[in-house]
């Protein structure tokens, strides 16, 4: 377990947009944006990762075989996908931004 998570941390599930521990299967993942090491281009891979919150720790826990453990970044350690969390749920986050922007523009 990594020690850099601060007490009281909160997260949101990027597949169902809830802050509880409801499991979201990888079928809800619209697409991860993963760099293809052979081509150097980014591929969008639907169903790449599931997501579930560990509400006690305030973190999103993915299970995926798309990525090998990532290189250590800012002492996160190889067991952490924090350096790629936007990558794993890229298309879901992108779609959420579109929806929120449309709603915000209607309110203005």
Protein backbone atom coordinates (compact mmCIF):
# COMPACT_ATOMS: atom_id res chain seq x y z
CA UNK A 1 0.00 0.00 0.00
CA UNK A 2 1.33 3.42 -0.90
CA UNK A 3 1.74 5.94 1.89
CA UNK A 4 1.32 9.20 -0.02
CA UNK A 5 -2.51 9.16 0.00
CA UNK A 6 -3.67 11.81 2.43
CA UNK A 7 -6.32 11.16 5.04
CA UNK A 8 -9.74 12.28 3.84
CA UNK A 9 -8.89 11.86 0.14
CA UNK A 10 -11.90 11.50 -2.17
CA UNK A 11 -12.28 10.20 -5.71
CA UNK A 12 -15.05 9.61 -8.21
CA UNK A 13 -15.57 6.49 -10.28
CA UNK A 14 -14.81 7.50 -13.89
CA UNK A 15 -17.21 4.89 -15.29
CA UNK A 16 -20.38 5.58 -13.31
CA UNK A 17 -19.55 9.04 -11.85
CA UNK A 18 -20.49 7.96 -8.32
CA UNK A 19 -18.53 8.37 -5.09
CA UNK A 20 -19.57 5.07 -3.54
CA UNK A 21 -17.99 1.64 -3.87
CA UNK A 22 -20.30 0.40 -6.64
CA UNK A 23 -18.30 -1.82 -9.00
CA UNK A 24 -18.24 -0.77 -12.67
CA UNK A 25 -17.26 -3.50 -15.11
CA UNK A 26 -14.91 -2.92 -18.03
CA UNK A 27 -17.86 -3.12 -20.44
CA UNK A 28 -18.62 0.45 -19.29
CA UNK A 29 -15.16 1.63 -20.38
CA UNK A 30 -15.69 3.48 -23.65
CA UNK A 31 -11.99 3.48 -24.39
CA UNK A 32 -8.56 3.77 -22.89
CA UNK A 33 -6.00 5.83 -24.80
CA UNK A 34 -2.91 3.60 -24.85
CA UNK A 35 0.33 4.30 -26.69
CA UNK A 36 1.17 1.59 -29.20
CA UNK A 37 4.87 0.89 -28.65
CA UNK A 38 5.26 -0.42 -32.20
CA UNK A 39 3.74 2.54 -34.04
CA UNK A 40 4.22 5.32 -31.49
CA UNK A 41 0.58 6.29 -32.06
CA UNK A 42 -2.21 6.19 -29.50
CA UNK A 43 -4.87 3.50 -29.84
CA UNK A 44 -8.31 3.73 -28.24
CA UNK A 45 -9.13 0.39 -26.63
CA UNK A 46 -12.75 -0.08 -25.46
CA UNK A 47 -13.27 -2.23 -22.38
CA UNK A 48 -9.71 -1.73 -21.20
CA UNK A 49 -10.33 -1.30 -17.48
CA UNK A 50 -12.99 -1.57 -14.84
CA UNK A 51 -13.19 0.73 -11.82
CA UNK A 52 -14.23 0.59 -8.21
CA UNK A 53 -13.64 3.06 -5.43
CA UNK A 54 -11.93 2.17 -2.23
CA UNK A 55 -13.84 4.83 -0.32
CA UNK A 56 -11.88 4.26 2.87
CA UNK A 57 -8.63 5.19 1.10
CA UNK A 58 -10.19 7.66 -1.37
CA UNK A 59 -8.79 6.00 -4.49
CA UNK A 60 -10.02 4.43 -7.72
CA UNK A 61 -8.95 0.81 -8.09
CA UNK A 62 -8.68 -0.50 -11.67
CA UNK A 63 -8.07 -4.05 -12.83
CA UNK A 64 -6.57 -4.21 -16.30
CA UNK A 65 -4.27 -6.31 -18.41
CA UNK A 66 -3.82 -3.53 -20.97
CA UNK A 67 -0.94 -1.87 -19.13
CA UNK A 68 2.09 -3.39 -17.52
CA UNK A 69 2.98 -1.77 -14.21
CA UNK A 70 3.91 1.77 -15.09
CA UNK A 71 7.24 3.38 -14.47
CA UNK A 72 7.54 5.03 -11.09
CA UNK A 73 6.45 8.66 -11.08
CA UNK A 74 6.90 11.00 -8.16
CA UNK A 75 7.36 8.04 -5.83
CA UNK A 76 3.95 6.58 -6.65
CA UNK A 77 5.55 3.18 -7.17
CA UNK A 78 4.95 0.55 -9.84
CA UNK A 79 1.77 -0.70 -8.12
CA UNK A 80 0.11 2.65 -8.86
CA UNK A 81 -1.57 3.57 -12.14
CA UNK A 82 -1.88 7.20 -11.01
CA UNK A 83 0.34 8.37 -13.85
CA UNK A 84 -2.16 6.86 -16.30
CA UNK A 85 -5.52 7.30 -14.64
CA UNK A 86 -6.82 9.66 -17.31
CA UNK A 87 -5.44 7.28 -19.93
CA UNK A 88 -7.41 4.27 -18.67
CA UNK A 89 -10.79 6.01 -18.83
CA UNK A 90 -9.97 8.66 -21.45
CA UNK A 91 -13.11 8.35 -23.58
CA UNK A 92 -15.45 8.25 -20.56
CA UNK A 93 -13.85 11.41 -19.19
CA UNK A 94 -13.99 13.04 -22.63
CA UNK A 95 -17.71 12.26 -22.96
CA UNK A 96 -18.40 13.51 -19.43
CA UNK A 97 -16.72 16.83 -20.27
CA UNK A 98 -18.94 17.17 -23.36
CA UNK A 99 -22.12 16.52 -21.35
CA UNK A 100 -21.14 18.91 -18.55
CA UNK A 101 -20.17 21.62 -21.04
CA UNK A 102 -23.52 21.36 -22.86
CA UNK A 103 -25.42 21.60 -19.57
CA UNK A 104 -23.33 24.55 -18.40
CA UNK A 105 -23.87 26.40 -21.68
CA UNK A 106 -27.65 25.90 -21.45
CA UNK A 107 -27.68 27.38 -17.94
CA UNK A 108 -25.74 30.49 -19.00
